[in-house]
Amino acid sequence: IKFALDEHAIVSITDKQGIITFVNDKFCEISKYSRDELLGQDHRIVNSGYHPKEFFRNLWATVASGKVWHGETKNRCKDGSFYWVASTIVPLRDGNGDIAQYVSVRTDITQRKLAEESLQASNERFRSTFDLAPIGMALIGLDGELLQVNNALAEMLGFAPDELTGMSMQERLHEDDLKPWISKVVQTLDGEIGTFGQEIRCHHKEGFQVWA
């Protein structure tokens, strides 16, 4: 079991006060600390400062009560770089039933977290561009539902953005423009064309037509 864990996981053991008594090679490798530098310390040596104190209070309250804790933590290496781990901390009891030590098994999830952060930043940039664009923009579901609309489109049609959201394009398009629009959408979804443009008439909230 130890060999299997060492091949995959970052493993450490602490006493009941949280002092590190064992680390495997992967712990040293990812943290960039030597075994001698880690033994006798607690896990604050790799604390990145990312998580609030309440996060660790909850962690210790869980394991001190004898329960297993699962979570994701951002840690700091000796050289100042950061890494993320998915952790499982298991309390182990002695012959009297008292907690004697804690075993922590972690998996490196740094690449996944970096990808998530990159995606979030990309989404935020898109959202900012979408909201502030001076032209009407919408994200539309495959059934024609308006999933997101920006301020410019809402203003063009006389609605608040949250009023338009959930409506369908079929409701807002003039009847004579609806069939050719749907035809081009179907062609796009089938891969027959890449993009399309079309002049359309939209129903304004006040009942008149707006050309777009």
C-alpha atoms as a PDB file:
ATOM      1  CA  ILE A   1       0.000   0.000   0.000  1.00  0.00           C
ATOM      2  CA  LYS A   2       2.832   2.378   0.869  1.00  0.00           C
ATOM      3  CA  PHE A   3       4.528   1.686  -2.468  1.00  0.00           C
ATOM      4  CA  ALA A   4       1.273   2.331  -4.351  1.00  0.00           C
ATOM      5  CA  LEU A   5       0.688   5.594  -2.478  1.00  0.00           C
ATOM      6  CA  ASP A   6       4.257   6.775  -3.030  1.00  0.00           C
ATOM      7  CA  GLU A   7       3.897   6.252  -6.773  1.00  0.00           C
ATOM      8  CA  HIS A   8       0.794   8.432  -6.975  1.00  0.00           C
ATOM      9  CA  ALA A   9       0.138  10.562  -3.910  1.00  0.00           C
ATOM     10  CA  ILE A  10       1.686  13.220  -1.698  1.00  0.00           C
ATOM     11  CA  VAL A  11       1.663  11.687   1.775  1.00  0.00           C
ATOM     12  CA  SER A  12       2.408  13.101   5.210  1.00  0.00           C
ATOM     13  CA  ILE A  13       1.760  12.024   8.787  1.00  0.00           C
ATOM     14  CA  THR A  14       1.532  14.334  11.788  1.00  0.00           C
ATOM     15  CA  ASP A  15       1.121  13.768  15.505  1.00  0.00           C
ATOM     16  CA  LYS A  16      -2.066  14.956  17.169  1.00  0.00           C
ATOM     17  CA  GLN A  17      -0.582  18.449  17.586  1.00  0.00           C
ATOM     18  CA  GLY A  18      -0.065  18.671  13.826  1.00  0.00           C
ATOM     19  CA  ILE A  19       3.728  18.288  13.889  1.00  0.00           C
ATOM     20  CA  ILE A  20       5.003  16.493  10.793  1.00  0.00           C
ATOM     21  CA  THR A  21       6.552  13.108  11.585  1.00  0.00           C
ATOM     22  CA  PHE A  22       6.664  11.615   8.082  1.00  0.00           C
ATOM     23  CA  VAL A  23       6.663  12.825   4.471  1.00  0.00           C
ATOM     24  CA  ASN A  24       7.129  10.769   1.343  1.00  0.00           C
ATOM     25  CA  ASP A  25       9.341  11.672  -1.613  1.00  0.00           C
ATOM     26  CA  LYS A  26       6.484  13.250  -3.584  1.00  0.00           C
ATOM     27  CA  PHE A  27       5.820  15.694  -0.749  1.00  0.00           C
ATOM     28  CA  CYS A  28       9.458  16.806  -0.892  1.00  0.00           C
ATOM     29  CA  GLU A  29       9.391  16.920  -4.686  1.00  0.00           C
ATOM     30  CA  ILE A  30       6.323  19.129  -4.997  1.00  0.00           C
ATOM     31  CA  SER A  31       7.065  21.413  -2.014  1.00  0.00           C
ATOM     32  CA  LYS A  32      10.790  21.697  -2.883  1.00  0.00           C
ATOM     33  CA  TYR A  33      11.653  21.256   0.811  1.00  0.00           C
ATOM     34  CA  SER A  34      13.972  18.503   1.951  1.00  0.00           C
ATOM     35  CA  ARG A  35      12.702  15.850   4.339  1.00  0.00           C
ATOM     36  CA  ASP A  36      14.865  17.311   7.135  1.00  0.00           C
ATOM     37  CA  GLU A  37      13.333  20.757   6.566  1.00  0.00           C
ATOM     38  CA  LEU A  38       9.798  19.366   6.829  1.00  0.00           C
ATOM     39  CA  LEU A  39      10.073  16.972   9.766  1.00  0.00           C
ATOM     40  CA  GLY A  40       9.304  18.668  13.061  1.00  0.00           C
ATOM     41  CA  GLN A  41       7.394  21.499  11.344  1.00  0.00           C
ATOM     42  CA  ASP A  42       3.659  21.816  10.878  1.00  0.00           C
ATOM     43  CA  HIS A  43       1.873  22.375   7.575  1.00  0.00           C
ATOM     44  CA  ARG A  44       2.040  26.126   7.971  1.00  0.00           C
ATOM     45  CA  ILE A  45       5.438  25.778   6.304  1.00  0.00           C
ATOM     46  CA  VAL A  46       3.577  25.402   2.977  1.00  0.00           C
ATOM     47  CA  ASN A  47       0.699  27.769   3.799  1.00  0.00           C
ATOM     48  CA  SER A  48       0.169  30.059   0.816  1.00  0.00           C
ATOM     49  CA  GLY A  49      -1.975  32.596   2.653  1.00  0.00           C
ATOM     50  CA  TYR A  50      -4.706  32.017   0.068  1.00  0.00           C
ATOM     51  CA  HIS A  51      -7.245  30.461   2.443  1.00  0.00           C
ATOM     52  CA  PRO A  52      -8.837  32.358   5.347  1.00  0.00           C
ATOM     53  CA  LYS A  53      -8.141  31.246   8.920  1.00  0.00           C
ATOM     54  CA  GLU A  54     -11.696  29.928   9.188  1.00  0.00           C
ATOM     55  CA  PHE A  55     -10.860  27.384   6.471  1.00  0.00           C
ATOM     56  CA  PHE A  56      -8.176  25.782   8.630  1.00  0.00           C
ATOM     57  CA  ARG A  57     -10.220  26.093  11.822  1.00  0.00           C
ATOM     58  CA  ASN A  58     -12.947  24.033  10.157  1.00  0.00           C
ATOM     59  CA  LEU A  59     -10.367  21.538   8.909  1.00  0.00           C
ATOM     60  CA  TRP A  60      -8.906  20.955  12.367  1.00  0.00           C
ATOM     61  CA  ALA A  61     -12.318  20.897  14.039  1.00  0.00           C
ATOM     62  CA  THR A  62     -13.328  18.122  11.633  1.00  0.00           C
ATOM     63  CA  VAL A  63     -10.303  15.870  12.109  1.00  0.00           C
ATOM     64  CA  ALA A  64     -10.033  16.552  15.864  1.00  0.00           C
ATOM     65  CA  SER A  65     -13.590  15.218  16.202  1.00  0.00           C
ATOM     66  CA  GLY A  66     -12.464  11.984  14.540  1.00  0.00           C
ATOM     67  CA  LYS A  67     -13.985  12.664  11.124  1.00  0.00           C
ATOM     68  CA  VAL A  68     -12.265  12.462   7.761  1.00  0.00           C
ATOM     69  CA  TRP A  69     -11.702  15.799   5.994  1.00  0.00           C
ATOM     70  CA  HIS A  70     -11.742  16.304   2.225  1.00  0.00           C
ATOM     71  CA  GLY A  71     -10.825  19.531   0.500  1.00  0.00           C
ATOM     72  CA  GLU A  72      -8.653  21.432  -1.946  1.00  0.00           C
ATOM     73  CA  THR A  73      -5.813  23.664  -0.766  1.00  0.00           C
ATOM     74  CA  LYS A  74      -3.418  26.063  -2.400  1.00  0.00           C
ATOM     75  CA  ASN A  75       0.106  25.670  -1.007  1.00  0.00           C
ATOM     76  CA  ARG A  76       3.401  27.494  -1.465  1.00  0.00           C
ATOM     77  CA  CYS A  77       6.712  25.845  -2.358  1.00  0.00           C
ATOM     78  CA  LYS A  78      10.032  26.740  -0.803  1.00  0.00           C
ATOM     79  CA  ASP A  79      10.892  28.817  -3.896  1.00  0.00           C
ATOM     80  CA  GLY A  80       7.685  30.859  -3.577  1.00  0.00           C
ATOM     81  CA  SER A  81       5.743  29.173  -6.399  1.00  0.00           C
ATOM     82  CA  PHE A  82       2.293  27.732  -5.739  1.00  0.00           C
ATOM     83  CA  TYR A  83       0.637  24.364  -6.175  1.00  0.00           C
ATOM     84  CA  TRP A  84      -2.851  22.985  -5.577  1.00  0.00           C
ATOM     85  CA  VAL A  85      -3.723  19.650  -3.969  1.00  0.00           C
ATOM     86  CA  ALA A  86      -6.893  17.669  -3.343  1.00  0.00           C
ATOM     87  CA  SER A  87      -6.494  16.375   0.203  1.00  0.00           C
ATOM     88  CA  THR A  88      -7.927  13.653   2.398  1.00  0.00           C
ATOM     89  CA  ILE A  89      -6.951  13.791   6.070  1.00  0.00           C
ATOM     90  CA  VAL A  90      -7.691  10.721   8.184  1.00  0.00           C
ATOM     91  CA  PRO A  91      -7.443  10.651  12.007  1.00  0.00           C
ATOM     92  CA  LEU A  92      -5.843   7.441  13.361  1.00  0.00           C
ATOM     93  CA  ARG A  93      -6.551   6.250  16.896  1.00  0.00           C
ATOM     94  CA  ASP A  94      -4.349   4.392  19.353  1.00  0.00           C
ATOM     95  CA  GLY A  95      -5.243   1.292  21.364  1.00  0.00           C
ATOM     96  CA  ASN A  96      -7.219   3.401  23.842  1.00  0.00           C
ATOM     97  CA  GLY A  97      -9.349   4.927  21.104  1.00  0.00           C
ATOM     98  CA  ASP A  98      -7.675   8.342  21.340  1.00  0.00           C
ATOM     99  CA  ILE A  99      -6.512  10.171  18.234  1.00  0.00           C
ATOM    100  CA  ALA A 100      -2.766   9.617  17.965  1.00  0.00           C
ATOM    101  CA  GLN A 101      -1.905  10.944  14.522  1.00  0.00           C
ATOM    102  CA  TYR A 102      -3.264  12.210  11.225  1.00  0.00           C
ATOM    103  CA  VAL A 103      -2.495  10.788   7.802  1.00  0.00           C
ATOM    104  CA  SER A 104      -2.822  13.177   4.856  1.00  0.00           C
ATOM    105  CA  VAL A 105      -3.040  11.872   1.298  1.00  0.00           C
ATOM    106  CA  ARG A 106      -2.973  14.486  -1.457  1.00  0.00           C
ATOM    107  CA  THR A 107      -3.158  14.587  -5.242  1.00  0.00           C
ATOM    108  CA  ASP A 108      -1.569  17.352  -7.304  1.00  0.00           C
ATOM    109  CA  ILE A 109      -4.361  19.239  -9.122  1.00  0.00           C
ATOM    110  CA  THR A 110      -2.330  22.316 -10.081  1.00  0.00           C
ATOM    111  CA  GLN A 111      -2.885  22.017 -13.840  1.00  0.00           C
ATOM    112  CA  ARG A 112      -6.630  21.636 -13.383  1.00  0.00           C
ATOM    113  CA  LYS A 113      -6.835  24.686 -11.128  1.00  0.00           C
ATOM    114  CA  LEU A 114      -4.719  26.760 -13.537  1.00  0.00           C
ATOM    115  CA  ALA A 115      -7.061  25.757 -16.360  1.00  0.00           C
ATOM    116  CA  GLU A 116     -10.074  26.734 -14.234  1.00  0.00           C
ATOM    117  CA  GLU A 117      -8.522  30.101 -13.377  1.00  0.00           C
ATOM    118  CA  SER A 118      -7.700  30.737 -17.031  1.00  0.00           C
ATOM    119  CA  LEU A 119     -11.256  29.858 -18.064  1.00  0.00           C
ATOM    120  CA  GLN A 120     -12.717  32.103 -15.370  1.00  0.00           C
ATOM    121  CA  ALA A 121     -10.520  35.012 -16.498  1.00  0.00           C
ATOM    122  CA  SER A 122     -11.551  34.376 -20.103  1.00  0.00           C
ATOM    123  CA  ASN A 123     -15.230  34.304 -19.126  1.00  0.00           C
ATOM    124  CA  GLU A 124     -14.860  37.548 -17.197  1.00  0.00           C
ATOM    125  CA  ARG A 125     -13.214  39.232 -20.188  1.00  0.00           C
ATOM    126  CA  PHE A 126     -15.987  37.972 -22.459  1.00  0.00           C
ATOM    127  CA  ARG A 127     -18.670  39.102 -20.039  1.00  0.00           C
ATOM    128  CA  SER A 128     -17.170  42.578 -19.806  1.00  0.00           C
ATOM    129  CA  THR A 129     -16.926  42.869 -23.603  1.00  0.00           C
ATOM    130  CA  PHE A 130     -20.434  41.471 -24.029  1.00  0.00           C
ATOM    131  CA  ASP A 131     -22.051  43.799 -21.510  1.00  0.00           C
ATOM    132  CA  LEU A 132     -20.282  46.955 -22.684  1.00  0.00           C
ATOM    133  CA  ALA A 133     -20.502  46.361 -26.449  1.00  0.00           C
ATOM    134  CA  PRO A 134     -22.266  49.247 -28.241  1.00  0.00           C
ATOM    135  CA  ILE A 135     -24.058  46.768 -30.543  1.00  0.00           C
ATOM    136  CA  GLY A 136     -26.850  44.405 -29.605  1.00  0.00           C
ATOM    137  CA  MET A 137     -25.580  40.940 -28.674  1.00  0.00           C
ATOM    138  CA  ALA A 138     -27.267  37.765 -27.449  1.00  0.00           C
ATOM    139  CA  LEU A 139     -26.454  34.163 -26.605  1.00  0.00           C
ATOM    140  CA  ILE A 140     -29.243  31.983 -27.924  1.00  0.00           C
ATOM    141  CA  GLY A 141     -30.083  28.380 -27.045  1.00  0.00           C
ATOM    142  CA  LEU A 142     -30.661  25.725 -29.708  1.00  0.00           C
ATOM    143  CA  ASP A 143     -34.410  26.102 -29.211  1.00  0.00           C
ATOM    144  CA  GLY A 144     -34.219  29.873 -29.786  1.00  0.00           C
ATOM    145  CA  GLU A 145     -34.314  30.881 -26.104  1.00  0.00           C
ATOM    146  CA  LEU A 146     -32.466  34.097 -25.276  1.00  0.00           C
ATOM    147  CA  LEU A 147     -29.982  32.920 -22.646  1.00  0.00           C
ATOM    148  CA  GLN A 148     -28.075  36.192 -22.281  1.00  0.00           C
ATOM    149  CA  VAL A 149     -28.653  39.622 -23.778  1.00  0.00           C
ATOM    150  CA  ASN A 150     -26.546  42.722 -23.394  1.00  0.00           C
ATOM    151  CA  ASN A 151     -27.682  46.229 -22.512  1.00  0.00           C
ATOM    152  CA  ALA A 152     -27.488  47.493 -26.093  1.00  0.00           C
ATOM    153  CA  LEU A 153     -29.887  44.834 -27.409  1.00  0.00           C
ATOM    154  CA  ALA A 154     -32.280  45.305 -24.495  1.00  0.00           C
ATOM    155  CA  GLU A 155     -32.329  49.066 -25.087  1.00  0.00           C
ATOM    156  CA  MET A 156     -32.855  48.529 -28.828  1.00  0.00           C
ATOM    157  CA  LEU A 157     -35.981  46.482 -28.152  1.00  0.00           C
ATOM    158  CA  GLY A 158     -37.263  48.544 -25.223  1.00  0.00           C
ATOM    159  CA  PHE A 159     -36.792  45.905 -22.536  1.00  0.00           C
ATOM    160  CA  ALA A 160     -34.653  45.495 -19.450  1.00  0.00           C
ATOM    161  CA  PRO A 161     -32.052  42.716 -19.973  1.00  0.00           C
ATOM    162  CA  ASP A 162     -33.735  40.425 -17.432  1.00  0.00           C
ATOM    163  CA  GLU A 163     -37.086  40.885 -19.220  1.00  0.00           C
ATOM    164  CA  LEU A 164     -35.643  39.640 -22.521  1.00  0.00           C
ATOM    165  CA  THR A 165     -33.790  36.730 -20.945  1.00  0.00           C
ATOM    166  CA  GLY A 166     -35.921  33.606 -21.243  1.00  0.00           C
ATOM    167  CA  MET A 167     -37.921  34.891 -24.211  1.00  0.00           C
ATOM    168  CA  SER A 168     -37.459  33.208 -27.579  1.00  0.00           C
ATOM    169  CA  MET A 169     -36.165  34.669 -30.811  1.00  0.00           C
ATOM    170  CA  GLN A 170     -39.374  33.406 -32.386  1.00  0.00           C
ATOM    171  CA  GLU A 171     -41.331  35.851 -30.207  1.00  0.00           C
ATOM    172  CA  ARG A 172     -39.201  38.839 -31.154  1.00  0.00           C
ATOM    173  CA  LEU A 173     -38.724  38.243 -34.892  1.00  0.00           C
ATOM    174  CA  HIS A 174     -41.171  39.486 -37.524  1.00  0.00           C
ATOM    175  CA  GLU A 175     -43.118  36.588 -38.995  1.00  0.00           C
ATOM    176  CA  ASP A 176     -41.806  37.208 -42.547  1.00  0.00           C
ATOM    177  CA  ASP A 177     -38.176  37.071 -41.341  1.00  0.00           C
ATOM    178  CA  LEU A 178     -38.551  34.079 -39.031  1.00  0.00           C
ATOM    179  CA  LYS A 179     -38.543  31.261 -41.600  1.00  0.00           C
ATOM    180  CA  PRO A 180     -35.354  32.347 -43.467  1.00  0.00           C
ATOM    181  CA  TRP A 181     -33.624  33.013 -40.134  1.00  0.00           C
ATOM    182  CA  ILE A 182     -34.452  29.509 -38.856  1.00  0.00           C
ATOM    183  CA  SER A 183     -33.318  28.014 -42.167  1.00  0.00           C
ATOM    184  CA  LYS A 184     -29.903  29.657 -41.872  1.00  0.00           C
ATOM    185  CA  VAL A 185     -29.579  28.624 -38.233  1.00  0.00           C
ATOM    186  CA  VAL A 186     -30.233  24.999 -39.200  1.00  0.00           C
ATOM    187  CA  GLN A 187     -27.653  25.215 -41.998  1.00  0.00           C
ATOM    188  CA  THR A 188     -25.119  26.593 -39.517  1.00  0.00           C
ATOM    189  CA  LEU A 189     -25.789  23.873 -36.933  1.00  0.00           C
ATOM    190  CA  ASP A 190     -25.486  21.223 -39.661  1.00  0.00           C
ATOM    191  CA  GLY A 191     -22.108  22.632 -40.691  1.00  0.00           C
ATOM    192  CA  GLU A 192     -23.255  23.632 -44.172  1.00  0.00           C
ATOM    193  CA  ILE A 193     -22.259  27.248 -43.549  1.00  0.00           C
ATOM    194  CA  GLY A 194     -19.932  28.764 -40.974  1.00  0.00           C
ATOM    195  CA  THR A 195     -21.686  32.034 -40.209  1.00  0.00           C
ATOM    196  CA  PHE A 196     -24.504  34.052 -41.694  1.00  0.00           C
ATOM    197  CA  GLY A 197     -25.811  37.575 -41.746  1.00  0.00           C
ATOM    198  CA  GLN A 198     -29.396  38.665 -42.218  1.00  0.00           C
ATOM    199  CA  GLU A 199     -31.363  41.879 -41.958  1.00  0.00           C
ATOM    200  CA  ILE A 200     -34.320  41.263 -39.683  1.00  0.00           C
ATOM    201  CA  ARG A 201     -37.267  43.099 -38.192  1.00  0.00           C
ATOM    202  CA  CYS A 202     -37.720  42.734 -34.454  1.00  0.00           C
ATOM    203  CA  HIS A 203     -40.788  43.494 -32.367  1.00  0.00           C
ATOM    204  CA  HIS A 204     -40.156  46.395 -29.982  1.00  0.00           C
ATOM    205  CA  LYS A 205     -41.819  46.269 -26.574  1.00  0.00           C
ATOM    206  CA  GLU A 206     -44.033  49.196 -27.647  1.00  0.00           C
ATOM    207  CA  GLY A 207     -45.295  47.230 -30.667  1.00  0.00           C
ATOM    208  CA  PHE A 208     -43.432  48.874 -33.553  1.00  0.00           C
ATOM    209  CA  GLN A 209     -40.761  47.195 -35.707  1.00  0.00           C
ATOM    210  CA  VAL A 210     -37.016  47.701 -35.354  1.00  0.00           C
ATOM    211  CA  TRP A 211     -34.721  46.818 -38.260  1.00  0.00           C
ATOM    212  CA  ALA A 212     -31.443  45.135 -37.330  1.00  0.00           C
END
